[in-house]
Protein backbone atom coordinates (compact mmCIF):
# COMPACT_ATOMS: atom_id res chain seq x y z
CA UNK A 1 0.00 0.00 0.00
CA UNK A 2 1.33 3.43 -0.96
CA UNK A 3 2.03 5.83 1.92
CA UNK A 4 0.32 8.73 0.09
CA UNK A 5 -2.01 8.98 -2.91
CA UNK A 6 -1.88 12.74 -3.62
CA UNK A 7 1.43 14.56 -3.25
CA UNK A 8 2.00 18.30 -3.62
CA UNK A 9 5.48 19.69 -4.17
CA UNK A 10 5.98 23.42 -3.58
CA UNK A 11 9.20 24.63 -5.14
CA UNK A 12 10.18 22.92 -8.38
CA UNK A 13 13.95 23.38 -8.41
CA UNK A 14 16.53 20.59 -8.34
CA UNK A 15 15.11 18.75 -5.32
CA UNK A 16 11.44 19.43 -5.98
CA UNK A 17 11.59 18.42 -9.63
CA UNK A 18 13.62 15.33 -8.73
CA UNK A 19 10.89 14.33 -6.26
CA UNK A 20 8.20 14.67 -8.93
CA UNK A 21 10.27 12.64 -11.40
CA UNK A 22 11.00 9.96 -8.79
CA UNK A 23 7.35 9.71 -7.78
CA UNK A 24 6.37 9.26 -11.43
CA UNK A 25 8.97 6.52 -11.84
CA UNK A 26 8.56 4.60 -8.58
CA UNK A 27 4.95 5.36 -7.60
CA UNK A 28 3.23 6.02 -10.94
CA UNK A 29 -0.31 5.86 -9.54
CA UNK A 30 0.32 8.81 -7.18
CA UNK A 31 -1.18 12.10 -8.35
CA UNK A 32 1.32 14.97 -8.25
CA UNK A 33 0.49 18.66 -7.98
CA UNK A 34 3.20 21.28 -8.14
CA UNK A 35 3.67 24.97 -7.54
CA UNK A 36 6.55 27.40 -7.82
CA UNK A 37 6.57 31.12 -7.06
CA UNK A 38 8.35 31.80 -10.37
CA UNK A 39 5.93 31.83 -13.35
CA UNK A 40 8.73 30.77 -15.72
CA UNK A 41 9.47 27.74 -13.56
CA UNK A 42 5.77 26.84 -13.61
CA UNK A 43 5.79 27.09 -17.42
CA UNK A 44 8.87 24.85 -17.56
CA UNK A 45 7.23 22.32 -15.22
CA UNK A 46 4.21 22.15 -17.55
CA UNK A 47 6.46 21.75 -20.59
CA UNK A 48 8.45 18.96 -18.92
CA UNK A 49 5.24 17.33 -17.61
CA UNK A 50 6.72 17.16 -14.12
CA UNK A 51 3.27 17.11 -12.49
CA UNK A 52 -0.29 16.13 -13.23
CA UNK A 53 -1.26 19.69 -12.39
CA UNK A 54 0.71 22.90 -11.79
CA UNK A 55 -1.20 25.38 -9.63
CA UNK A 56 -0.83 29.15 -9.85
CA UNK A 57 -0.93 29.65 -6.08
CA UNK A 58 0.41 27.62 -3.15
CA UNK A 59 -3.05 27.45 -1.55
CA UNK A 60 -4.62 25.96 -4.66
CA UNK A 61 -1.81 23.40 -4.86
CA UNK A 62 -2.55 21.84 -1.45
CA UNK A 63 -6.37 21.72 -1.37
CA UNK A 64 -6.72 17.96 -1.84
CA UNK A 65 -3.19 16.79 -0.91
CA UNK A 66 -2.40 14.16 1.68
CA UNK A 67 1.34 14.97 1.60
CA UNK A 68 2.75 18.46 1.00
CA UNK A 69 6.52 18.87 0.65
CA UNK A 70 8.09 22.32 0.95
CA UNK A 71 11.09 22.44 -1.40
CA UNK A 72 11.92 26.12 -0.95
CA UNK A 73 14.98 27.77 0.67
CA UNK A 74 14.92 27.33 4.44
CA UNK A 75 14.52 31.08 4.93
CA UNK A 76 11.20 30.94 3.07
CA UNK A 77 9.70 27.89 4.81
CA UNK A 78 7.71 29.87 7.36
CA UNK A 79 6.29 32.25 4.77
CA UNK A 80 5.15 29.44 2.48
CA UNK A 81 3.70 27.46 5.39
CA UNK A 82 1.64 30.53 6.27
CA UNK A 83 0.42 30.86 2.69
CA UNK A 84 -0.95 27.30 2.65
CA UNK A 85 -2.15 27.07 6.28
CA UNK A 86 -5.80 27.90 5.58
CA UNK A 87 -6.06 25.51 2.61
CA UNK A 88 -4.13 22.57 4.03
CA UNK A 89 -6.45 19.61 4.70
CA UNK A 90 -6.69 18.71 8.39
CA UNK A 91 -5.41 15.17 7.81
CA UNK A 92 -2.60 16.11 5.42
CA UNK A 93 1.04 15.60 6.38
CA UNK A 94 3.33 18.57 5.83
CA UNK A 95 7.03 17.95 5.27
CA UNK A 96 10.09 19.69 3.84
CA UNK A 97 13.57 19.04 2.44
CA UNK A 98 15.53 21.72 4.30
CA UNK A 99 19.19 21.33 5.29
CA UNK A 100 18.58 22.84 8.76
CA UNK A 101 15.78 21.72 11.04
CA UNK A 102 15.38 23.61 14.34
CA UNK A 103 14.72 27.04 12.82
CA UNK A 104 12.50 25.55 10.10
CA UNK A 105 10.50 23.64 12.70
CA UNK A 106 9.95 26.81 14.73
CA UNK A 107 9.01 28.89 11.68
CA UNK A 108 6.51 26.34 10.35
CA UNK A 109 4.94 25.80 13.76
CA UNK A 110 4.40 29.54 14.13
CA UNK A 111 3.00 30.00 10.63
CA UNK A 112 0.86 26.85 10.52
CA UNK A 113 0.34 25.74 14.14
CA UNK A 114 -2.30 23.15 13.31
CA UNK A 115 -0.30 21.42 10.56
CA UNK A 116 0.94 17.86 11.08
CA UNK A 117 4.58 18.67 10.33
CA UNK A 118 7.16 15.90 9.82
CA UNK A 119 10.46 17.52 8.77
CA UNK A 120 12.84 15.59 6.52
CA UNK A 121 16.16 16.19 4.80
CA UNK A 122 17.25 14.15 1.76
CA UNK A 123 21.05 14.37 1.84
CA UNK A 124 21.41 14.52 -1.92
CA UNK A 125 21.95 17.14 -4.57
CA UNK A 126 24.22 18.57 -7.23
CA UNK A 127 25.68 21.98 -7.92
CA UNK A 128 22.96 22.55 -10.53
CA UNK A 129 19.58 24.16 -9.88
CA UNK A 130 16.23 24.64 -11.55
CA UNK A 131 13.49 22.29 -12.78
CA UNK A 132 15.55 21.00 -15.70
CA UNK A 133 18.38 19.90 -13.37
CA UNK A 134 16.31 17.25 -11.57
CA UNK A 135 16.44 13.51 -12.20
CA UNK A 136 14.48 10.56 -10.83
CA UNK A 137 17.44 8.65 -9.37
CA UNK A 138 18.85 11.55 -7.30
CA UNK A 139 17.83 9.90 -4.02
CA UNK A 140 18.86 6.35 -4.83
CA UNK A 141 21.15 4.94 -2.10
CA UNK A 142 21.36 8.36 -0.43
CA UNK A 143 20.34 9.12 3.12
CA UNK A 144 17.15 10.90 4.02
CA UNK A 145 17.04 12.07 7.64
CA UNK A 146 13.54 12.35 9.12
CA UNK A 147 13.53 14.68 12.15
CA UNK A 148 10.05 14.32 13.60
CA UNK A 149 9.96 16.30 16.87
CA UNK A 150 8.83 14.75 20.13
CA UNK A 151 5.08 14.21 20.21
CA UNK A 152 4.69 13.70 16.45
CA UNK A 153 2.10 11.14 15.39
CA UNK A 154 4.23 8.00 14.85
CA UNK A 155 2.07 6.84 11.94
CA UNK A 156 2.61 10.15 10.11
CA UNK A 157 6.36 9.91 10.69
CA UNK A 158 6.45 6.34 9.39
CA UNK A 159 4.46 7.32 6.28
CA UNK A 160 7.06 10.00 5.49
CA UNK A 161 9.87 7.48 6.06
CA UNK A 162 8.17 4.99 3.73
CA UNK A 163 7.67 7.68 1.08
CA UNK A 164 11.43 8.28 0.95
CA UNK A 165 12.19 4.57 0.95
CA UNK A 166 9.97 4.23 -2.12
CA UNK A 167 12.14 6.87 -3.84
CA UNK A 168 15.23 4.75 -3.16
CA UNK A 169 16.60 6.57 -0.12
CA UNK A 170 18.04 5.03 3.02
CA UNK A 171 16.11 6.53 5.93
CA UNK A 172 17.45 7.54 9.34
CA UNK A 173 15.59 9.30 12.14
CA UNK A 174 17.23 11.97 14.27
CA UNK A 175 16.45 14.74 16.74
CA UNK A 176 16.28 18.14 14.97
CA UNK A 177 19.07 19.69 17.09
CA UNK A 178 21.36 16.70 16.57
CA UNK A 179 20.69 16.80 12.84
CA UNK A 180 21.79 20.43 12.71
CA UNK A 181 25.11 19.69 14.44
CA UNK A 182 25.84 16.68 12.24
CA UNK A 183 25.07 18.55 9.04
CA UNK A 184 27.10 21.54 10.19
CA UNK A 185 30.15 19.25 10.05
CA UNK A 186 29.35 17.12 7.02
CA UNK A 187 27.73 19.67 4.72
CA UNK A 188 27.56 23.27 5.90
CA UNK A 189 31.18 23.77 6.95
CA UNK A 190 32.57 22.13 3.76
CA UNK A 191 30.42 24.47 1.68
CA UNK A 192 31.61 27.46 3.68
CA UNK A 193 35.25 26.42 3.18
CA UNK A 194 34.67 25.91 -0.55
CA UNK A 195 33.09 29.35 -0.93
CA UNK A 196 36.05 30.87 0.94
CA UNK A 197 38.77 29.08 -1.06
CA UNK A 198 37.17 29.86 -4.41
CA UNK A 199 36.63 33.47 -3.33
CA UNK A 200 40.30 33.78 -2.34
CA UNK A 201 41.36 32.29 -5.68
CA UNK A 202 39.11 34.74 -7.47
CA UNK A 203 40.86 37.62 -5.69
CA UNK A 204 44.29 36.18 -6.58
CA UNK A 205 43.31 35.55 -10.17
CA UNK A 206 43.87 39.22 -11.05
CA UNK A 207 47.37 39.12 -9.56
CA UNK A 208 48.35 35.91 -11.36
CA UNK A 209 46.96 36.86 -14.78
CA UNK A 210 44.41 34.03 -14.83
CA UNK A 211 46.93 31.33 -13.86
CA UNK A 212 44.86 30.25 -10.86
CA UNK A 213 42.06 29.31 -13.23
CA UNK A 214 44.28 28.03 -16.03
CA UNK A 215 46.27 25.63 -13.87
CA UNK A 216 43.51 24.48 -11.55
CA UNK A 217 44.20 20.97 -10.27
CA UNK A 218 41.54 18.42 -9.37
CA UNK A 219 41.28 19.56 -5.76
CA UNK A 220 40.47 23.15 -6.71
CA UNK A 221 38.02 22.00 -9.40
CA UNK A 222 36.12 20.00 -6.78
CA UNK A 223 35.91 23.07 -4.55
CA UNK A 224 34.52 25.11 -7.46
CA UNK A 225 31.83 22.48 -8.02
CA UNK A 226 30.65 22.87 -4.40
CA UNK A 227 30.95 26.66 -4.58
CA UNK A 228 28.68 26.70 -7.64
CA UNK A 229 25.71 25.63 -5.49
CA UNK A 230 22.59 27.78 -5.30
CA UNK A 231 23.51 31.02 -3.49
CA UNK A 232 20.03 31.72 -2.10
CA UNK A 233 19.72 28.27 -0.60
CA UNK A 234 23.14 28.35 1.04
CA UNK A 235 22.80 31.89 2.34
CA UNK A 236 19.65 30.76 4.13
CA UNK A 237 21.26 27.55 5.41
CA UNK A 238 24.16 29.38 7.06
CA UNK A 239 21.88 31.92 8.68
CA UNK A 240 19.30 29.40 9.85
CA UNK A 241 21.89 27.03 11.33
CA UNK A 242 24.24 29.75 12.50
CA UNK A 243 24.92 28.47 16.04
CA UNK A 244 25.99 24.98 14.95
CA UNK A 245 27.95 26.37 11.98
CA UNK A 246 29.77 28.89 14.18
CA UNK A 247 30.63 26.16 16.70
CA UNK A 248 32.09 23.95 14.00
CA UNK A 249 33.86 26.88 12.37
CA UNK A 250 35.55 27.68 15.68
CA UNK A 251 36.72 24.07 16.01
CA UNK A 252 37.97 24.11 12.42
CA UNK A 253 39.85 27.37 13.04
CA UNK A 254 41.60 25.81 16.04
CA UNK A 255 42.55 22.73 14.03
CA UNK A 256 43.81 24.93 11.18
CA UNK A 257 45.99 26.88 13.61
CA UNK A 258 47.44 23.60 14.88
CA UNK A 259 48.19 22.60 11.29
CA UNK A 260 49.92 25.92 10.67
CA UNK A 261 52.17 25.29 13.68
CA UNK A 262 53.02 21.78 12.47
CA UNK A 263 54.07 23.10 9.06
CA UNK A 264 55.97 26.07 10.52
CA UNK A 265 57.99 23.90 12.93
CA UNK A 266 58.53 21.01 10.52
CA UNK A 267 56.51 18.46 12.49
CA UNK A 268 56.34 15.85 9.74
CA UNK A 269 55.14 13.05 12.01
CA UNK A 270 52.17 15.15 13.13
CA UNK A 271 51.24 15.91 9.53
CA UNK A 272 51.62 12.26 8.52
CA UNK A 273 49.38 11.10 11.37
CA UNK A 274 46.67 13.60 10.41
CA UNK A 275 46.77 12.66 6.73
CA UNK A 276 46.63 8.95 7.63
CA UNK A 277 43.49 9.51 9.73
CA UNK A 278 41.80 11.54 7.02
CA UNK A 279 42.64 8.93 4.38
CA UNK A 280 40.85 6.34 6.52
CA UNK A 281 37.74 8.55 6.59
CA UNK A 282 37.76 8.70 2.79
CA UNK A 283 38.02 4.92 2.55
CA UNK A 284 35.10 4.50 4.95
CA UNK A 285 32.90 6.76 2.79
CA UNK A 286 33.73 4.65 -0.27
CA UNK A 287 33.14 1.40 1.64
CA UNK A 288 29.64 2.61 2.56
CA UNK A 289 28.86 3.35 -1.09
CA UNK A 290 28.60 7.11 -0.60
CA UNK A 291 31.14 8.05 -3.29
CA UNK A 292 33.04 6.78 -6.32
CA UNK A 293 36.30 4.90 -5.77
CA UNK A 294 37.47 5.27 -9.36
CA UNK A 295 40.61 7.33 -10.04
CA UNK A 296 39.97 11.09 -10.07
CA UNK A 297 36.42 10.44 -8.74
CA UNK A 298 35.44 8.86 -12.07
CA UNK A 299 35.98 12.16 -13.88
CA UNK A 300 36.12 11.67 -17.65
CA UNK A 301 39.16 12.92 -19.55
CA UNK A 302 39.63 13.53 -23.25
């Protein structure tokens, strides 16, 4: 039995359009309604046949839904929840895909206090954005973290978990605050570092007459891929999860200072021990099937 029969996706960018494609592929009998605040995105969604129906307003999109998924930047979650609150069916489950949870939970509860809200976060994505960037297999063998707060109807939480399993995701449950600390380390801080490194290289590029770009090695190219992620989404993520990000940034700064000292004083053994530990982390990620073990990350070369 399917967990939901009528699904509404609000926000038809990379994640939202991937959800609609995945639902069509893995649960073809489910009726999908979509909405996006951008009229051009709505036109594209109609052209690509992403949904059975594309509504002009968020309220109209949710009228007969039994699952509504907010796929908008985390800074806009509360506003959109407020826009659909009066039209949301009493028995509908409301969920999201945001990368931070505590602030989103508070914003949605304030804007739609009567909604049955089960937050979720599919840990998947690319550096591309927009409805044409989505694909049905985005969530295959990737984690989706469901962060139902204490007191949530267990049946509603399980239905959301089952929905993501049907899309191919591996599902984990987690407290919202714990999720935010974990993601601050595994996602938010790496993005912040990538933005910083690429920004520094951009400043140096004038000095080096484009040599930074011309001679970019694989490591720098990988940073630029991360730094090409949607700026609105990541601005909102850093601001909404600021406490956890700042905590992890402080820890990283201390570790970086320690690394500076090791290099300055020629402590080769200390550097070797660090690099050995980090290599083991990389191997563990590959062993768990979360990345490609091929040389140069499977990057094609001419």
